[in-house]
């Protein structure tokens, strides 16, 4: 299931970071997460002409799609990347229609509050679903970890570098 939605501007700043469950948000660390994705995306562009479109770490898959000066990303904990790519494309189209961001560009100082209702709109439209519900309380839920798995990310990146 899709767990998080992240939209970054050209400077790597999170315009939006939202979770779709009670307790499994990476958005408590939105700045760290946006910096991480932005850095990997930039690094990927340096290595290849094709943009980086997927990062898999610790059982969590991040799908990335650039659109002009923005990077859209979703994280999912299942193995259905084709369906998620379709969903992400739909999210990008709706975002462009609602906010007309692509035609006017992103300013250096922008108020991100305007984007905060977008996740609710996506849920209301049935594009994304709230997906926590196995547990009444977050205590005991295996998804309750609210921080980036930095140790696992570092280990995964080190193993890639060694190969």
C-alpha atoms as a PDB file:
ATOM      1  CA  UNK A   1       0.000   0.000   0.000  1.00  0.00           C
ATOM      2  CA  UNK A   2       1.069   3.554  -0.558  1.00  0.00           C
ATOM      3  CA  UNK A   3       2.268   4.956   2.732  1.00  0.00           C
ATOM      4  CA  UNK A   4       3.577   8.444   1.965  1.00  0.00           C
ATOM      5  CA  UNK A   5       3.432  11.193  -0.655  1.00  0.00           C
ATOM      6  CA  UNK A   6       6.219  13.719  -1.011  1.00  0.00           C
ATOM      7  CA  UNK A   7       6.468  16.659  -3.414  1.00  0.00           C
ATOM      8  CA  UNK A   8       9.796  18.474  -3.635  1.00  0.00           C
ATOM      9  CA  UNK A   9      10.641  21.750  -5.304  1.00  0.00           C
ATOM     10  CA  UNK A  10      13.748  22.425  -7.391  1.00  0.00           C
ATOM     11  CA  UNK A  11      15.718  23.240  -4.236  1.00  0.00           C
ATOM     12  CA  UNK A  12      14.916  19.902  -2.586  1.00  0.00           C
ATOM     13  CA  UNK A  13      12.455  21.492  -0.183  1.00  0.00           C
ATOM     14  CA  UNK A  14       9.322  19.531   0.704  1.00  0.00           C
ATOM     15  CA  UNK A  15       6.252  21.357  -0.573  1.00  0.00           C
ATOM     16  CA  UNK A  16       4.174  18.499   0.773  1.00  0.00           C
ATOM     17  CA  UNK A  17       4.870  15.439   2.876  1.00  0.00           C
ATOM     18  CA  UNK A  18       1.864  13.372   3.848  1.00  0.00           C
ATOM     19  CA  UNK A  19       1.174   9.927   5.224  1.00  0.00           C
ATOM     20  CA  UNK A  20      -1.876   7.798   4.612  1.00  0.00           C
ATOM     21  CA  UNK A  21      -2.106   5.928   7.869  1.00  0.00           C
ATOM     22  CA  UNK A  22      -2.364   6.657  11.544  1.00  0.00           C
ATOM     23  CA  UNK A  23       1.211   6.030  12.504  1.00  0.00           C
ATOM     24  CA  UNK A  24       3.573   5.151   9.689  1.00  0.00           C
ATOM     25  CA  UNK A  25       4.627   8.564   8.554  1.00  0.00           C
ATOM     26  CA  UNK A  26       8.091   9.402   7.401  1.00  0.00           C
ATOM     27  CA  UNK A  27       6.971  13.014   7.374  1.00  0.00           C
ATOM     28  CA  UNK A  28       8.042  13.656  10.937  1.00  0.00           C
ATOM     29  CA  UNK A  29      11.429  13.889   9.225  1.00  0.00           C
ATOM     30  CA  UNK A  30      10.281  15.719   6.088  1.00  0.00           C
ATOM     31  CA  UNK A  31      13.452  17.768   5.826  1.00  0.00           C
ATOM     32  CA  UNK A  32      15.697  14.696   6.145  1.00  0.00           C
ATOM     33  CA  UNK A  33      13.568  12.694   3.728  1.00  0.00           C
ATOM     34  CA  UNK A  34      13.381  15.472   1.134  1.00  0.00           C
ATOM     35  CA  UNK A  35      17.131  16.063   1.372  1.00  0.00           C
ATOM     36  CA  UNK A  36      17.800  12.346   0.962  1.00  0.00           C
ATOM     37  CA  UNK A  37      15.546  11.975  -2.089  1.00  0.00           C
ATOM     38  CA  UNK A  38      16.763  15.208  -3.643  1.00  0.00           C
ATOM     39  CA  UNK A  39      20.417  14.211  -3.194  1.00  0.00           C
ATOM     40  CA  UNK A  40      19.879  10.743  -4.683  1.00  0.00           C
ATOM     41  CA  UNK A  41      17.886  12.210  -7.558  1.00  0.00           C
ATOM     42  CA  UNK A  42      20.661  14.709  -8.301  1.00  0.00           C
ATOM     43  CA  UNK A  43      23.303  11.988  -7.997  1.00  0.00           C
ATOM     44  CA  UNK A  44      21.295   9.773 -10.376  1.00  0.00           C
ATOM     45  CA  UNK A  45      21.134  12.562 -12.980  1.00  0.00           C
ATOM     46  CA  UNK A  46      24.903  12.936 -12.735  1.00  0.00           C
ATOM     47  CA  UNK A  47      25.438   9.223 -13.409  1.00  0.00           C
ATOM     48  CA  UNK A  48      22.875   8.740 -16.135  1.00  0.00           C
ATOM     49  CA  UNK A  49      20.830  10.715 -18.602  1.00  0.00           C
ATOM     50  CA  UNK A  50      17.705   9.000 -17.328  1.00  0.00           C
ATOM     51  CA  UNK A  51      16.285  10.303 -14.050  1.00  0.00           C
ATOM     52  CA  UNK A  52      16.314   8.146 -10.926  1.00  0.00           C
ATOM     53  CA  UNK A  53      12.849   6.654 -10.698  1.00  0.00           C
ATOM     54  CA  UNK A  54      13.011   4.134  -7.874  1.00  0.00           C
ATOM     55  CA  UNK A  55      14.734   3.654  -4.518  1.00  0.00           C
ATOM     56  CA  UNK A  56      14.215   0.507  -2.469  1.00  0.00           C
ATOM     57  CA  UNK A  57      15.331   0.493   1.147  1.00  0.00           C
ATOM     58  CA  UNK A  58      14.323  -1.686   4.070  1.00  0.00           C
ATOM     59  CA  UNK A  59      11.184  -3.052   2.418  1.00  0.00           C
ATOM     60  CA  UNK A  60      10.003   0.410   1.442  1.00  0.00           C
ATOM     61  CA  UNK A  61       9.977   1.389  -2.213  1.00  0.00           C
ATOM     62  CA  UNK A  62      10.103   5.051  -3.223  1.00  0.00           C
ATOM     63  CA  UNK A  63       8.878   5.813  -6.735  1.00  0.00           C
ATOM     64  CA  UNK A  64      10.009   9.151  -8.123  1.00  0.00           C
ATOM     65  CA  UNK A  65       8.742  11.133 -11.091  1.00  0.00           C
ATOM     66  CA  UNK A  66      10.138  14.528 -11.993  1.00  0.00           C
ATOM     67  CA  UNK A  67       7.798  17.047 -13.551  1.00  0.00           C
ATOM     68  CA  UNK A  68       9.469  20.269 -14.647  1.00  0.00           C
ATOM     69  CA  UNK A  69      10.966  21.758 -11.462  1.00  0.00           C
ATOM     70  CA  UNK A  70       9.269  19.334  -9.059  1.00  0.00           C
ATOM     71  CA  UNK A  71       9.945  15.786  -7.893  1.00  0.00           C
ATOM     72  CA  UNK A  72       6.928  13.709  -6.929  1.00  0.00           C
ATOM     73  CA  UNK A  73       7.486  10.626  -4.815  1.00  0.00           C
ATOM     74  CA  UNK A  74       5.396   7.997  -3.137  1.00  0.00           C
ATOM     75  CA  UNK A  75       6.561   5.292  -0.780  1.00  0.00           C
ATOM     76  CA  UNK A  76       4.917   1.889  -0.719  1.00  0.00           C
ATOM     77  CA  UNK A  77       5.418  -1.245   1.313  1.00  0.00           C
ATOM     78  CA  UNK A  78       4.149  -3.707  -1.281  1.00  0.00           C
ATOM     79  CA  UNK A  79       5.373  -4.937  -4.644  1.00  0.00           C
ATOM     80  CA  UNK A  80       3.045  -3.326  -7.173  1.00  0.00           C
ATOM     81  CA  UNK A  81       5.210  -0.665  -8.830  1.00  0.00           C
ATOM     82  CA  UNK A  82       3.247  -0.507 -12.084  1.00  0.00           C
ATOM     83  CA  UNK A  83      -0.018   0.325 -10.297  1.00  0.00           C
ATOM     84  CA  UNK A  84       1.802   2.848  -8.119  1.00  0.00           C
ATOM     85  CA  UNK A  85       3.416   4.510 -11.153  1.00  0.00           C
ATOM     86  CA  UNK A  86      -0.034   4.930 -12.652  1.00  0.00           C
ATOM     87  CA  UNK A  87      -1.296   6.410  -9.376  1.00  0.00           C
ATOM     88  CA  UNK A  88       1.672   8.767  -9.176  1.00  0.00           C
ATOM     89  CA  UNK A  89       1.045   9.955 -12.753  1.00  0.00           C
ATOM     90  CA  UNK A  90      -2.566  10.656 -11.818  1.00  0.00           C
ATOM     91  CA  UNK A  91      -1.445  12.573  -8.722  1.00  0.00           C
ATOM     92  CA  UNK A  92       0.913  14.703 -10.822  1.00  0.00           C
ATOM     93  CA  UNK A  93      -1.839  15.543 -13.322  1.00  0.00           C
ATOM     94  CA  UNK A  94      -4.258  16.528 -10.548  1.00  0.00           C
ATOM     95  CA  UNK A  95      -1.624  18.598  -8.786  1.00  0.00           C
ATOM     96  CA  UNK A  96      -0.905  20.480 -12.012  1.00  0.00           C
ATOM     97  CA  UNK A  97      -4.616  21.095 -12.604  1.00  0.00           C
ATOM     98  CA  UNK A  98      -5.304  22.285  -9.074  1.00  0.00           C
ATOM     99  CA  UNK A  99      -2.259  24.404  -8.409  1.00  0.00           C
ATOM    100  CA  UNK A 100      -1.041  25.446 -11.868  1.00  0.00           C
ATOM    101  CA  UNK A 101       2.445  25.188 -10.371  1.00  0.00           C
ATOM    102  CA  UNK A 102       4.195  24.025 -13.506  1.00  0.00           C
ATOM    103  CA  UNK A 103       3.304  27.051 -15.559  1.00  0.00           C
ATOM    104  CA  UNK A 104       4.291  29.665 -12.974  1.00  0.00           C
ATOM    105  CA  UNK A 105       7.330  27.949 -11.444  1.00  0.00           C
ATOM    106  CA  UNK A 106       8.256  27.664  -7.800  1.00  0.00           C
ATOM    107  CA  UNK A 107       9.477  30.766  -6.019  1.00  0.00           C
ATOM    108  CA  UNK A 108      12.336  30.702  -3.528  1.00  0.00           C
ATOM    109  CA  UNK A 109       9.986  31.676  -0.704  1.00  0.00           C
ATOM    110  CA  UNK A 110       6.682  29.876  -1.017  1.00  0.00           C
ATOM    111  CA  UNK A 111       3.956  29.239   1.499  1.00  0.00           C
ATOM    112  CA  UNK A 112       3.396  25.469   1.493  1.00  0.00           C
ATOM    113  CA  UNK A 113       0.165  25.707   3.513  1.00  0.00           C
ATOM    114  CA  UNK A 114      -1.797  25.916   0.261  1.00  0.00           C
ATOM    115  CA  UNK A 115      -0.826  22.301  -0.532  1.00  0.00           C
ATOM    116  CA  UNK A 116      -1.869  20.781   2.787  1.00  0.00           C
ATOM    117  CA  UNK A 117      -5.418  19.901   1.671  1.00  0.00           C
ATOM    118  CA  UNK A 118      -4.176  18.023  -1.407  1.00  0.00           C
ATOM    119  CA  UNK A 119      -3.742  14.646   0.392  1.00  0.00           C
ATOM    120  CA  UNK A 120      -7.306  14.820   1.746  1.00  0.00           C
ATOM    121  CA  UNK A 121      -8.514  15.596  -1.774  1.00  0.00           C
ATOM    122  CA  UNK A 122      -6.683  12.501  -3.075  1.00  0.00           C
ATOM    123  CA  UNK A 123      -8.346  10.332  -0.419  1.00  0.00           C
ATOM    124  CA  UNK A 124     -11.772  11.892  -1.094  1.00  0.00           C
ATOM    125  CA  UNK A 125     -11.340  11.160  -4.818  1.00  0.00           C
ATOM    126  CA  UNK A 126     -10.398   7.526  -4.092  1.00  0.00           C
ATOM    127  CA  UNK A 127      -6.928   7.918  -5.616  1.00  0.00           C
ATOM    128  CA  UNK A 128      -5.170   7.155  -2.341  1.00  0.00           C
ATOM    129  CA  UNK A 129      -6.486   5.337   0.708  1.00  0.00           C
ATOM    130  CA  UNK A 130      -5.885   5.631   4.394  1.00  0.00           C
ATOM    131  CA  UNK A 131      -4.308   2.275   5.036  1.00  0.00           C
ATOM    132  CA  UNK A 132      -3.724   1.823   8.731  1.00  0.00           C
ATOM    133  CA  UNK A 133      -6.437  -0.065  10.485  1.00  0.00           C
ATOM    134  CA  UNK A 134      -4.976  -3.353  11.644  1.00  0.00           C
ATOM    135  CA  UNK A 135      -4.545  -1.860  15.107  1.00  0.00           C
ATOM    136  CA  UNK A 136      -6.800   0.429  17.102  1.00  0.00           C
ATOM    137  CA  UNK A 137      -3.806   2.125  18.722  1.00  0.00           C
ATOM    138  CA  UNK A 138      -0.350   2.723  17.300  1.00  0.00           C
ATOM    139  CA  UNK A 139       1.237   0.861  20.205  1.00  0.00           C
ATOM    140  CA  UNK A 140       2.181  -2.590  18.974  1.00  0.00           C
ATOM    141  CA  UNK A 141       1.688  -1.702  15.313  1.00  0.00           C
ATOM    142  CA  UNK A 142       4.688  -2.779  13.225  1.00  0.00           C
ATOM    143  CA  UNK A 143       4.279   0.440  11.207  1.00  0.00           C
ATOM    144  CA  UNK A 144       4.598   2.749  14.190  1.00  0.00           C
ATOM    145  CA  UNK A 145       8.246   3.611  13.549  1.00  0.00           C
ATOM    146  CA  UNK A 146       8.123   7.329  12.805  1.00  0.00           C
ATOM    147  CA  UNK A 147      11.711   8.011  11.871  1.00  0.00           C
ATOM    148  CA  UNK A 148      13.777   7.370   8.805  1.00  0.00           C
ATOM    149  CA  UNK A 149      15.570   4.019   8.916  1.00  0.00           C
ATOM    150  CA  UNK A 150      18.902   5.804   8.487  1.00  0.00           C
ATOM    151  CA  UNK A 151      21.008   2.838   9.604  1.00  0.00           C
ATOM    152  CA  UNK A 152      19.318   0.529   7.089  1.00  0.00           C
ATOM    153  CA  UNK A 153      19.615   3.169   4.348  1.00  0.00           C
ATOM    154  CA  UNK A 154      23.323   3.622   5.034  1.00  0.00           C
ATOM    155  CA  UNK A 155      23.917  -0.135   5.047  1.00  0.00           C
ATOM    156  CA  UNK A 156      22.011  -0.557   1.761  1.00  0.00           C
ATOM    157  CA  UNK A 157      23.927   2.279   0.112  1.00  0.00           C
ATOM    158  CA  UNK A 158      27.261   0.913   1.357  1.00  0.00           C
ATOM    159  CA  UNK A 159      26.482  -2.511  -0.103  1.00  0.00           C
ATOM    160  CA  UNK A 160      25.630  -0.926  -3.468  1.00  0.00           C
ATOM    161  CA  UNK A 161      28.868   1.047  -3.439  1.00  0.00           C
ATOM    162  CA  UNK A 162      30.879  -2.118  -2.647  1.00  0.00           C
ATOM    163  CA  UNK A 163      29.381  -3.937  -5.648  1.00  0.00           C
END
